[in-house]
Amino acid sequence: MISWCWGLALTVAGIAGVWLVAGRFQKVGWALLCLGQGLWIAYALLTKQLGFIPGVIGYALVYARNYLRCPNSMAIDIGITESISEIGTLESPSTMDVSVGLEPAVESA
């Protein structure tokens, strides 16, 4: 019974997080995915499968980073002209800040 409950809890947390991030464009999905890693740590400790822990830490770091870098309403401009009232306003590629980490070009005289 316990293993069935763990499997269900881990599956629901993972699917809900991915659905919120990929399907609904909601930042809270990253938080749910990050918090869901706590379930994996508990599972690893209770079942003495400590090999899960390094992977869990890696996933949690990626999810936390994405949560912190993600705007409240995520959207990607892929050229589809359908209603986006639920996910916010898309930013056109010409107005997006793509200079992160790039040095300005120096013109030679």
PDB file of N, CA and C in Angstrom:
ATOM      1  N   MET A   1       0.819  -1.210   0.000  1.00  0.00           N
ATOM      2  CA  MET A   1       0.000   0.000   0.000  1.00  0.00           C
ATOM      3  C   MET A   1       0.858   1.268   0.000  1.00  0.00           C
ATOM      4  N   ILE A   2       1.913   1.272   0.822  1.00  0.00           N
ATOM      5  CA  ILE A   2       2.745   2.463   0.932  1.00  0.00           C
ATOM      6  C   ILE A   2       3.429   2.764  -0.395  1.00  0.00           C
ATOM      7  N   SER A   3       3.978   1.749  -1.073  1.00  0.00           N
ATOM      8  CA  SER A   3       4.666   1.998  -2.338  1.00  0.00           C
ATOM      9  C   SER A   3       3.698   2.537  -3.384  1.00  0.00           C
ATOM     10  N   TRP A   4       2.445   2.067  -3.380  1.00  0.00           N
ATOM     11  CA  TRP A   4       1.443   2.561  -4.323  1.00  0.00           C
ATOM     12  C   TRP A   4       1.144   4.035  -4.047  1.00  0.00           C
ATOM     13  N   CYS A   5       1.035   4.409  -2.790  1.00  0.00           N
ATOM     14  CA  CYS A   5       0.774   5.809  -2.423  1.00  0.00           C
ATOM     15  C   CYS A   5       1.939   6.706  -2.827  1.00  0.00           C
ATOM     16  N   TRP A   6       3.176   6.243  -2.610  1.00  0.00           N
ATOM     17  CA  TRP A   6       4.344   7.029  -3.000  1.00  0.00           C
ATOM     18  C   TRP A   6       4.363   7.241  -4.502  1.00  0.00           C
ATOM     19  N   GLY A   7       4.116   6.184  -5.246  1.00  0.00           N
ATOM     20  CA  GLY A   7       4.104   6.298  -6.699  1.00  0.00           C
ATOM     21  C   GLY A   7       3.061   7.288  -7.178  1.00  0.00           C
ATOM     22  N   LEU A   8       1.882   7.240  -6.565  1.00  0.00           N
ATOM     23  CA  LEU A   8       0.806   8.157  -6.938  1.00  0.00           C
ATOM     24  C   LEU A   8       1.173   9.599  -6.586  1.00  0.00           C
ATOM     25  N   ALA A   9       1.689   9.831  -5.391  1.00  0.00           N
ATOM     26  CA  ALA A   9       2.050  11.193  -4.969  1.00  0.00           C
ATOM     27  C   ALA A   9       3.144  11.783  -5.860  1.00  0.00           C
ATOM     28  N   LEU A  10       4.168  10.990  -6.158  1.00  0.00           N
ATOM     29  CA  LEU A  10       5.259  11.468  -7.007  1.00  0.00           C
ATOM     30  C   LEU A  10       4.776  11.752  -8.423  1.00  0.00           C
ATOM     31  N   THR A  11       3.900  10.900  -8.931  1.00  0.00           N
ATOM     32  CA  THR A  11       3.369  11.085 -10.286  1.00  0.00           C
ATOM     33  C   THR A  11       2.485  12.321 -10.371  1.00  0.00           C
ATOM     34  N   VAL A  12       1.587  12.492  -9.412  1.00  0.00           N
ATOM     35  CA  VAL A  12       0.684  13.649  -9.423  1.00  0.00           C
ATOM     36  C   VAL A  12       1.470  14.948  -9.320  1.00  0.00           C
ATOM     37  N   ALA A  13       2.451  15.004  -8.426  1.00  0.00           N
ATOM     38  CA  ALA A  13       3.246  16.229  -8.267  1.00  0.00           C
ATOM     39  C   ALA A  13       4.007  16.553  -9.557  1.00  0.00           C
ATOM     40  N   GLY A  14       4.594  15.552 -10.179  1.00  0.00           N
ATOM     41  CA  GLY A  14       5.350  15.783 -11.407  1.00  0.00           C
ATOM     42  C   GLY A  14       4.474  16.205 -12.567  1.00  0.00           C
ATOM     43  N   ILE A  15       3.371  15.495 -12.772  1.00  0.00           N
ATOM     44  CA  ILE A  15       2.478  15.826 -13.884  1.00  0.00           C
ATOM     45  C   ILE A  15       1.842  17.198 -13.687  1.00  0.00           C
ATOM     46  N   ALA A  16       1.423  17.507 -12.477  1.00  0.00           N
ATOM     47  CA  ALA A  16       0.807  18.819 -12.209  1.00  0.00           C
ATOM     48  C   ALA A  16       1.800  19.945 -12.477  1.00  0.00           C
ATOM     49  N   GLY A  17       3.041  19.770 -12.044  1.00  0.00           N
ATOM     50  CA  GLY A  17       4.051  20.798 -12.275  1.00  0.00           C
ATOM     51  C   GLY A  17       4.336  21.011 -13.750  1.00  0.00           C
ATOM     52  N   VAL A  18       4.502  19.925 -14.479  1.00  0.00           N
ATOM     53  CA  VAL A  18       4.771  20.035 -15.914  1.00  0.00           C
ATOM     54  C   VAL A  18       3.566  20.634 -16.638  1.00  0.00           C
ATOM     55  N   TRP A  19       2.367  20.255 -16.242  1.00  0.00           N
ATOM     56  CA  TRP A  19       1.151  20.792 -16.864  1.00  0.00           C
ATOM     57  C   TRP A  19       1.070  22.306 -16.658  1.00  0.00           C
ATOM     58  N   LEU A  20       1.396  22.762 -15.457  1.00  0.00           N
ATOM     59  CA  LEU A  20       1.347  24.191 -15.172  1.00  0.00           C
ATOM     60  C   LEU A  20       2.430  24.956 -15.927  1.00  0.00           C
ATOM     61  N   VAL A  21       3.612  24.373 -16.071  1.00  0.00           N
ATOM     62  CA  VAL A  21       4.704  25.056 -16.761  1.00  0.00           C
ATOM     63  C   VAL A  21       4.497  25.011 -18.271  1.00  0.00           C
ATOM     64  N   ALA A  22       4.360  23.828 -18.821  1.00  0.00           N
ATOM     65  CA  ALA A  22       4.314  23.676 -20.275  1.00  0.00           C
ATOM     66  C   ALA A  22       2.923  23.930 -20.858  1.00  0.00           C
ATOM     67  N   GLY A  23       1.900  23.502 -20.167  1.00  0.00           N
ATOM     68  CA  GLY A  23       0.561  23.609 -20.716  1.00  0.00           C
ATOM     69  C   GLY A  23      -0.177  24.884 -20.378  1.00  0.00           C
ATOM     70  N   ARG A  24       0.129  25.473 -19.230  1.00  0.00           N
ATOM     71  CA  ARG A  24      -0.611  26.655 -18.768  1.00  0.00           C
ATOM     72  C   ARG A  24       0.264  27.893 -18.647  1.00  0.00           C
ATOM     73  N   PHE A  25       1.564  27.761 -18.872  1.00  0.00           N
ATOM     74  CA  PHE A  25       2.493  28.886 -18.818  1.00  0.00           C
ATOM     75  C   PHE A  25       2.427  29.620 -17.474  1.00  0.00           C
ATOM     76  N   GLN A  26       2.406  28.864 -16.380  1.00  0.00           N
ATOM     77  CA  GLN A  26       2.318  29.479 -15.058  1.00  0.00           C
ATOM     78  C   GLN A  26       3.594  29.222 -14.258  1.00  0.00           C
ATOM     79  N   LYS A  27       4.104  30.280 -13.664  1.00  0.00           N
ATOM     80  CA  LYS A  27       5.331  30.224 -12.881  1.00  0.00           C
ATOM     81  C   LYS A  27       5.207  29.264 -11.694  1.00  0.00           C
ATOM     82  N   VAL A  28       4.028  29.154 -11.144  1.00  0.00           N
ATOM     83  CA  VAL A  28       3.826  28.301  -9.976  1.00  0.00           C
ATOM     84  C   VAL A  28       4.184  26.845 -10.280  1.00  0.00           C
ATOM     85  N   GLY A  29       4.165  26.470 -11.549  1.00  0.00           N
ATOM     86  CA  GLY A  29       4.551  25.115 -11.928  1.00  0.00           C
ATOM     87  C   GLY A  29       5.982  24.798 -11.551  1.00  0.00           C
ATOM     88  N   TRP A  30       6.902  25.774 -11.745  1.00  0.00           N
ATOM     89  CA  TRP A  30       8.295  25.565 -11.364  1.00  0.00           C
ATOM     90  C   TRP A  30       8.407  25.370  -9.855  1.00  0.00           C
ATOM     91  N   ALA A  31       7.623  26.138  -9.090  1.00  0.00           N
ATOM     92  CA  ALA A  31       7.652  25.996  -7.630  1.00  0.00           C
ATOM     93  C   ALA A  31       7.149  24.617  -7.221  1.00  0.00           C
ATOM     94  N   LEU A  32       6.075  24.154  -7.855  1.00  0.00           N
ATOM     95  CA  LEU A  32       5.533  22.833  -7.537  1.00  0.00           C
ATOM     96  C   LEU A  32       6.546  21.742  -7.879  1.00  0.00           C
ATOM     97  N   LEU A  33       7.195  21.859  -9.027  1.00  0.00           N
ATOM     98  CA  LEU A  33       8.207  20.873  -9.400  1.00  0.00           C
ATOM     99  C   LEU A  33       9.366  20.875  -8.408  1.00  0.00           C
ATOM    100  N   CYS A  34       9.782  22.055  -7.978  1.00  0.00           N
ATOM    101  CA  CYS A  34      10.878  22.160  -7.014  1.00  0.00           C
ATOM    102  C   CYS A  34      10.479  21.544  -5.671  1.00  0.00           C
ATOM    103  N   LEU A  35       9.311  21.889  -5.192  1.00  0.00           N
ATOM    104  CA  LEU A  35       8.847  21.340  -3.920  1.00  0.00           C
ATOM    105  C   LEU A  35       8.609  19.833  -4.003  1.00  0.00           C
ATOM    106  N   GLY A  36       8.211  19.366  -5.176  1.00  0.00           N
ATOM    107  CA  GLY A  36       7.998  17.931  -5.373  1.00  0.00           C
ATOM    108  C   GLY A  36       9.267  17.122  -5.173  1.00  0.00           C
ATOM    109  N   GLN A  37      10.411  17.769  -5.326  1.00  0.00           N
ATOM    110  CA  GLN A  37      11.667  17.058  -5.102  1.00  0.00           C
ATOM    111  C   GLN A  37      11.822  16.648  -3.637  1.00  0.00           C
ATOM    112  N   GLY A  38      11.138  17.373  -2.745  1.00  0.00           N
ATOM    113  CA  GLY A  38      11.128  16.967  -1.333  1.00  0.00           C
ATOM    114  C   GLY A  38      10.503  15.593  -1.158  1.00  0.00           C
ATOM    115  N   LEU A  39       9.480  15.286  -1.960  1.00  0.00           N
ATOM    116  CA  LEU A  39       8.870  13.953  -1.917  1.00  0.00           C
ATOM    117  C   LEU A  39       9.869  12.883  -2.358  1.00  0.00           C
ATOM    118  N   TRP A  40      10.667  13.213  -3.377  1.00  0.00           N
ATOM    119  CA  TRP A  40      11.666  12.261  -3.847  1.00  0.00           C
ATOM    120  C   TRP A  40      12.743  12.022  -2.789  1.00  0.00           C
ATOM    121  N   ILE A  41      13.134  13.071  -2.072  1.00  0.00           N
ATOM    122  CA  ILE A  41      14.131  12.904  -0.993  1.00  0.00           C
ATOM    123  C   ILE A  41      13.559  11.999   0.096  1.00  0.00           C
ATOM    124  N   ALA A  42      12.315  12.268   0.499  1.00  0.00           N
ATOM    125  CA  ALA A  42      11.684  11.434   1.520  1.00  0.00           C
ATOM    126  C   ALA A  42      11.597   9.982   1.050  1.00  0.00           C
ATOM    127  N   TYR A  43      11.201   9.783  -0.196  1.00  0.00           N
ATOM    128  CA  TYR A  43      11.107   8.426  -0.749  1.00  0.00           C
ATOM    129  C   TYR A  43      12.476   7.745  -0.731  1.00  0.00           C
ATOM    130  N   ALA A  44      13.515   8.473  -1.170  1.00  0.00           N
ATOM    131  CA  ALA A  44      14.862   7.903  -1.203  1.00  0.00           C
ATOM    132  C   ALA A  44      15.325   7.506   0.198  1.00  0.00           C
ATOM    133  N   LEU A  45      15.051   8.342   1.180  1.00  0.00           N
ATOM    134  CA  LEU A  45      15.471   8.046   2.549  1.00  0.00           C
ATOM    135  C   LEU A  45      14.680   6.885   3.148  1.00  0.00           C
ATOM    136  N   LEU A  46      13.373   6.880   2.943  1.00  0.00           N
ATOM    137  CA  LEU A  46      12.532   5.821   3.511  1.00  0.00           C
ATOM    138  C   LEU A  46      12.806   4.456   2.895  1.00  0.00           C
ATOM    139  N   THR A  47      13.145   4.454   1.622  1.00  0.00           N
ATOM    140  CA  THR A  47      13.401   3.176   0.956  1.00  0.00           C
ATOM    141  C   THR A  47      14.896   2.847   0.892  1.00  0.00           C
ATOM    142  N   LYS A  48      15.714   3.701   1.485  1.00  0.00           N
ATOM    143  CA  LYS A  48      17.170   3.531   1.514  1.00  0.00           C
ATOM    144  C   LYS A  48      17.760   3.435   0.105  1.00  0.00           C
ATOM    145  N   GLN A  49      17.181   4.188  -0.818  1.00  0.00           N
ATOM    146  CA  GLN A  49      17.689   4.277  -2.185  1.00  0.00           C
ATOM    147  C   GLN A  49      18.363   5.640  -2.342  1.00  0.00           C
ATOM    148  N   LEU A  50      19.508   5.770  -1.710  1.00  0.00           N
ATOM    149  CA  LEU A  50      20.202   7.050  -1.637  1.00  0.00           C
ATOM    150  C   LEU A  50      20.739   7.516  -2.985  1.00  0.00           C
ATOM    151  N   GLY A  51      20.768   6.662  -3.972  1.00  0.00           N
ATOM    152  CA  GLY A  51      21.209   7.045  -5.295  1.00  0.00           C
ATOM    153  C   GLY A  51      20.302   8.081  -5.953  1.00  0.00           C
ATOM    154  N   PHE A  52      19.068   8.199  -5.464  1.00  0.00           N
ATOM    155  CA  PHE A  52      18.142   9.201  -5.986  1.00  0.00           C
ATOM    156  C   PHE A  52      18.558  10.626  -5.592  1.00  0.00           C
ATOM    157  N   ILE A  53      19.209  10.784  -4.471  1.00  0.00           N
ATOM    158  CA  ILE A  53      19.437  12.107  -3.887  1.00  0.00           C
ATOM    159  C   ILE A  53      20.257  13.050  -4.778  1.00  0.00           C
ATOM    160  N   PRO A  54      21.370  12.620  -5.383  1.00  0.00           N
ATOM    161  CA  PRO A  54      22.087  13.564  -6.264  1.00  0.00           C
ATOM    162  C   PRO A  54      21.231  14.063  -7.431  1.00  0.00           C
ATOM    163  N   GLY A  55      20.452  13.178  -8.034  1.00  0.00           N
ATOM    164  CA  GLY A  55      19.563  13.588  -9.121  1.00  0.00           C
ATOM    165  C   GLY A  55      18.489  14.543  -8.649  1.00  0.00           C
ATOM    166  N   VAL A  56      17.948  14.281  -7.478  1.00  0.00           N
ATOM    167  CA  VAL A  56      16.920  15.140  -6.898  1.00  0.00           C
ATOM    168  C   VAL A  56      17.474  16.540  -6.665  1.00  0.00           C
ATOM    169  N   ILE A  57      18.671  16.619  -6.140  1.00  0.00           N
ATOM    170  CA  ILE A  57      19.295  17.924  -5.903  1.00  0.00           C
ATOM    171  C   ILE A  57      19.501  18.660  -7.228  1.00  0.00           C
ATOM    172  N   GLY A  58      19.954  17.935  -8.241  1.00  0.00           N
ATOM    173  CA  GLY A  58      20.142  18.549  -9.553  1.00  0.00           C
ATOM    174  C   GLY A  58      18.839  19.085 -10.130  1.00  0.00           C
ATOM    175  N   TYR A  59      17.781  18.267 -10.100  1.00  0.00           N
ATOM    176  CA  TYR A  59      16.483  18.720 -10.591  1.00  0.00           C
ATOM    177  C   TYR A  59      15.981  19.919  -9.797  1.00  0.00           C
ATOM    178  N   ALA A  60      16.119  19.871  -8.471  1.00  0.00           N
ATOM    179  CA  ALA A  60      15.638  20.973  -7.632  1.00  0.00           C
ATOM    180  C   ALA A  60      16.361  22.276  -7.965  1.00  0.00           C
ATOM    181  N   LEU A  61      17.668  22.200  -8.205  1.00  0.00           N
ATOM    182  CA  LEU A  61      18.422  23.407  -8.565  1.00  0.00           C
ATOM    183  C   LEU A  61      17.955  23.986  -9.901  1.00  0.00           C
ATOM    184  N   VAL A  62      17.709  23.123 -10.871  1.00  0.00           N
ATOM    185  CA  VAL A  62      17.232  23.593 -12.180  1.00  0.00           C
ATOM    186  C   VAL A  62      15.842  24.207 -12.043  1.00  0.00           C
ATOM    187  N   TYR A  63      14.951  23.536 -11.313  1.00  0.00           N
ATOM    188  CA  TYR A  63      13.590  24.055 -11.138  1.00  0.00           C
ATOM    189  C   TYR A  63      13.602  25.380 -10.389  1.00  0.00           C
ATOM    190  N   ALA A  64      14.437  25.488  -9.347  1.00  0.00           N
ATOM    191  CA  ALA A  64      14.514  26.733  -8.574  1.00  0.00           C
ATOM    192  C   ALA A  64      15.059  27.869  -9.451  1.00  0.00           C
ATOM    193  N   ARG A  65      16.078  27.580 -10.249  1.00  0.00           N
ATOM    194  CA  ARG A  65      16.631  28.592 -11.156  1.00  0.00           C
ATOM    195  C   ARG A  65      15.571  29.059 -12.141  1.00  0.00           C
ATOM    196  N   ASN A  66      14.846  28.117 -12.717  1.00  0.00           N
ATOM    197  CA  ASN A  66      13.806  28.490 -13.681  1.00  0.00           C
ATOM    198  C   ASN A  66      12.683  29.281 -13.018  1.00  0.00           C
ATOM    199  N   TYR A  67      12.358  28.937 -11.784  1.00  0.00           N
ATOM    200  CA  TYR A  67      11.335  29.690 -11.048  1.00  0.00           C
ATOM    201  C   TYR A  67      11.782  31.141 -10.864  1.00  0.00           C
ATOM    202  N   LEU A  68      13.029  31.333 -10.459  1.00  0.00           N
ATOM    203  CA  LEU A  68      13.536  32.679 -10.206  1.00  0.00           C
ATOM    204  C   LEU A  68      13.682  33.500 -11.481  1.00  0.00           C
ATOM    205  N   ARG A  69      13.990  32.871 -12.592  1.00  0.00           N
ATOM    206  CA  ARG A  69      14.203  33.585 -13.854  1.00  0.00           C
ATOM    207  C   ARG A  69      12.927  33.754 -14.663  1.00  0.00           C
ATOM    208  N   CYS A  70      11.874  33.074 -14.296  1.00  0.00           N
ATOM    209  CA  CYS A  70      10.646  33.052 -15.074  1.00  0.00           C
ATOM    210  C   CYS A  70       9.766  34.262 -14.744  1.00  0.00           C
ATOM    211  N   PRO A  71       9.241  34.933 -15.769  1.00  0.00           N
ATOM    212  CA  PRO A  71       8.280  36.008 -15.488  1.00  0.00           C
ATOM    213  C   PRO A  71       6.989  35.411 -14.944  1.00  0.00           C
ATOM    214  N   ASN A  72       6.158  36.238 -14.351  1.00  0.00           N
ATOM    215  CA  ASN A  72       4.903  35.727 -13.796  1.00  0.00           C
ATOM    216  C   ASN A  72       4.023  35.086 -14.850  1.00  0.00           C
ATOM    217  N   SER A  73       4.042  35.625 -16.039  1.00  0.00           N
ATOM    218  CA  SER A  73       3.267  35.057 -17.136  1.00  0.00           C
ATOM    219  C   SER A  73       4.238  34.740 -18.266  1.00  0.00           C
ATOM    220  N   MET A  74       4.556  33.453 -18.420  1.00  0.00           N
ATOM    221  CA  MET A  74       5.504  33.048 -19.441  1.00  0.00           C
ATOM    222  C   MET A  74       4.787  32.895 -20.779  1.00  0.00           C
ATOM    223  N   ALA A  75       5.463  33.205 -21.831  1.00  0.00           N
ATOM    224  CA  ALA A  75       4.932  32.954 -23.159  1.00  0.00           C
ATOM    225  C   ALA A  75       6.071  32.989 -24.157  1.00  0.00           C
ATOM    226  N   ILE A  76       5.933  32.243 -25.196  1.00  0.00           N
ATOM    227  CA  ILE A  76       6.940  32.203 -26.246  1.00  0.00           C
ATOM    228  C   ILE A  76       6.263  32.620 -27.539  1.00  0.00           C
ATOM    229  N   ASP A  77       6.868  33.554 -28.242  1.00  0.00           N
ATOM    230  CA  ASP A  77       6.312  34.001 -29.508  1.00  0.00           C
ATOM    231  C   ASP A  77       6.706  32.998 -30.582  1.00  0.00           C
ATOM    232  N   ILE A  78       5.743  32.201 -31.011  1.00  0.00           N
ATOM    233  CA  ILE A  78       6.014  31.207 -32.039  1.00  0.00           C
ATOM    234  C   ILE A  78       5.227  31.499 -33.302  1.00  0.00           C
ATOM    235  N   GLY A  79       4.699  32.713 -33.415  1.00  0.00           N
ATOM    236  CA  GLY A  79       4.016  33.121 -34.629  1.00  0.00           C
ATOM    237  C   GLY A  79       2.581  32.659 -34.747  1.00  0.00           C
ATOM    238  N   ILE A  80       2.022  32.114 -33.715  1.00  0.00           N
ATOM    239  CA  ILE A  80       0.630  31.671 -33.764  1.00  0.00           C
ATOM    240  C   ILE A  80      -0.251  32.826 -33.321  1.00  0.00           C
ATOM    241  N   THR A  81      -1.266  33.125 -34.085  1.00  0.00           N
ATOM    242  CA  THR A  81      -2.119  34.278 -33.785  1.00  0.00           C
ATOM    243  C   THR A  81      -3.444  33.831 -33.188  1.00  0.00           C
ATOM    244  N   GLU A  82      -3.367  33.103 -32.097  1.00  0.00           N
ATOM    245  CA  GLU A  82      -4.578  32.704 -31.413  1.00  0.00           C
ATOM    246  C   GLU A  82      -4.729  33.522 -30.136  1.00  0.00           C
ATOM    247  N   SER A  83      -5.879  33.429 -29.512  1.00  0.00           N
ATOM    248  CA  SER A  83      -6.136  34.192 -28.295  1.00  0.00           C
ATOM    249  C   SER A  83      -5.187  33.757 -27.191  1.00  0.00           C
ATOM    250  N   ILE A  84      -4.594  34.730 -26.516  1.00  0.00           N
ATOM    251  CA  ILE A  84      -3.677  34.431 -25.422  1.00  0.00           C
ATOM    252  C   ILE A  84      -4.106  35.141 -24.147  1.00  0.00           C
ATOM    253  N   SER A  85      -5.374  35.368 -23.998  1.00  0.00           N
ATOM    254  CA  SER A  85      -5.850  36.137 -22.854  1.00  0.00           C
ATOM    255  C   SER A  85      -5.505  35.481 -21.527  1.00  0.00           C
ATOM    256  N   GLU A  86      -5.386  34.149 -21.489  1.00  0.00           N
ATOM    257  CA  GLU A  86      -5.090  33.481 -20.227  1.00  0.00           C
ATOM    258  C   GLU A  86      -3.626  33.570 -19.847  1.00  0.00           C
ATOM    259  N   ILE A  87      -2.726  33.750 -20.821  1.00  0.00           N
ATOM    260  CA  ILE A  87      -1.305  33.675 -20.495  1.00  0.00           C
ATOM    261  C   ILE A  87      -0.590  35.012 -20.573  1.00  0.00           C
ATOM    262  N   GLY A  88      -1.281  36.055 -20.888  1.00  0.00           N
ATOM    263  CA  GLY A  88      -0.643  37.362 -20.897  1.00  0.00           C
ATOM    264  C   GLY A  88      -0.276  37.815 -22.288  1.00  0.00           C
ATOM    265  N   THR A  89       0.572  38.787 -22.345  1.00  0.00           N
ATOM    266  CA  THR A  89       0.952  39.398 -23.606  1.00  0.00           C
ATOM    267  C   THR A  89       2.283  38.844 -24.076  1.00  0.00           C
ATOM    268  N   LEU A  90       2.338  38.492 -25.340  1.00  0.00           N
ATOM    269  CA  LEU A  90       3.598  38.026 -25.918  1.00  0.00           C
ATOM    270  C   LEU A  90       4.461  39.223 -26.295  1.00  0.00           C
ATOM    271  N   GLU A  91       5.726  39.093 -26.081  1.00  0.00           N
ATOM    272  CA  GLU A  91       6.664  40.135 -26.445  1.00  0.00           C
ATOM    273  C   GLU A  91       7.231  39.770 -27.815  1.00  0.00           C
ATOM    274  N   SER A  92       7.229  40.697 -28.739  1.00  0.00           N
ATOM    275  CA  SER A  92       7.748  40.381 -30.068  1.00  0.00           C
ATOM    276  C   SER A  92       9.263  40.244 -29.995  1.00  0.00           C
ATOM    277  N   PRO A  93       9.844  39.417 -30.856  1.00  0.00           N
ATOM    278  CA  PRO A  93      11.292  39.219 -30.803  1.00  0.00           C
ATOM    279  C   PRO A  93      12.083  40.510 -30.960  1.00  0.00           C
ATOM    280  N   SER A  94      11.546  41.499 -31.670  1.00  0.00           N
ATOM    281  CA  SER A  94      12.289  42.736 -31.872  1.00  0.00           C
ATOM    282  C   SER A  94      12.389  43.575 -30.603  1.00  0.00           C
ATOM    283  N   THR A  95      11.524  43.332 -29.620  1.00  0.00           N
ATOM    284  CA  THR A  95      11.578  44.104 -28.384  1.00  0.00           C
ATOM    285  C   THR A  95      12.144  43.305 -27.219  1.00  0.00           C
ATOM    286  N   MET A  96      12.441  42.044 -27.437  1.00  0.00           N
ATOM    287  CA  MET A  96      12.965  41.220 -26.358  1.00  0.00           C
ATOM    288  C   MET A  96      14.418  41.583 -26.084  1.00  0.00           C
ATOM    289  N   ASP A  97      14.825  41.524 -24.822  1.00  0.00           N
ATOM    290  CA  ASP A  97      16.210  41.792 -24.450  1.00  0.00           C
ATOM    291  C   ASP A  97      17.008  40.513 -24.661  1.00  0.00           C
ATOM    292  N   VAL A  98      17.781  40.474 -25.700  1.00  0.00           N
ATOM    293  CA  VAL A  98      18.586  39.306 -26.002  1.00  0.00           C
ATOM    294  C   VAL A  98      20.067  39.568 -25.757  1.00  0.00           C
ATOM    295  N   SER A  99      20.367  40.641 -25.061  1.00  0.00           N
ATOM    296  CA  SER A  99      21.764  41.017 -24.843  1.00  0.00           C
ATOM    297  C   SER A  99      22.347  40.452 -23.564  1.00  0.00           C
ATOM    298  N   VAL A 100      21.607  39.612 -22.868  1.00  0.00           N
ATOM    299  CA  VAL A 100      22.093  39.069 -21.607  1.00  0.00           C
ATOM    300  C   VAL A 100      23.377  38.285 -21.836  1.00  0.00           C
ATOM    301  N   GLY A 101      24.411  38.671 -21.162  1.00  0.00           N
ATOM    302  CA  GLY A 101      25.683  37.980 -21.245  1.00  0.00           C
ATOM    303  C   GLY A 101      26.515  38.335 -22.467  1.00  0.00           C
ATOM    304  N   LEU A 102      26.059  39.235 -23.293  1.00  0.00           N
ATOM    305  CA  LEU A 102      26.802  39.621 -24.473  1.00  0.00           C
ATOM    306  C   LEU A 102      27.457  40.992 -24.268  1.00  0.00           C
ATOM    307  N   GLU A 103      28.653  41.114 -24.729  1.00  0.00           N
ATOM    308  CA  GLU A 103      29.356  42.383 -24.644  1.00  0.00           C
ATOM    309  C   GLU A 103      28.962  43.227 -25.854  1.00  0.00           C
ATOM    310  N   PRO A 104      28.834  44.552 -25.700  1.00  0.00           N
ATOM    311  CA  PRO A 104      28.498  45.400 -26.863  1.00  0.00           C
ATOM    312  C   PRO A 104      29.639  45.375 -27.877  1.00  0.00           C
ATOM    313  N   ALA A 105      29.256  45.435 -29.125  1.00  0.00           N
ATOM    314  CA  ALA A 105      30.263  45.427 -30.198  1.00  0.00           C
ATOM    315  C   ALA A 105      31.040  46.735 -30.180  1.00  0.00           C
ATOM    316  N   VAL A 106      32.314  46.661 -30.366  1.00  0.00           N
ATOM    317  CA  VAL A 106      33.170  47.837 -30.408  1.00  0.00           C
ATOM    318  C   VAL A 106      33.472  48.132 -31.870  1.00  0.00           C
ATOM    319  N   GLU A 107      33.101  49.317 -32.307  1.00  0.00           N
ATOM    320  CA  GLU A 107      33.347  49.683 -33.690  1.00  0.00           C
ATOM    321  C   GLU A 107      34.758  50.217 -33.824  1.00  0.00           C
ATOM    322  N   SER A 108      35.443  49.777 -34.876  1.00  0.00           N
ATOM    323  CA  SER A 108      36.785  50.295 -35.119  1.00  0.00           C
ATOM    324  C   SER A 108      36.710  51.587 -35.915  1.00  0.00           C
ATOM    325  N   ALA A 109      37.612  52.505 -35.633  1.00  0.00           N
ATOM    326  CA  ALA A 109      37.590  53.820 -36.264  1.00  0.00           C
ATOM    327  C   ALA A 109      38.220  53.829 -37.614  1.00  0.00           C
TER     328      ALA A 109
END
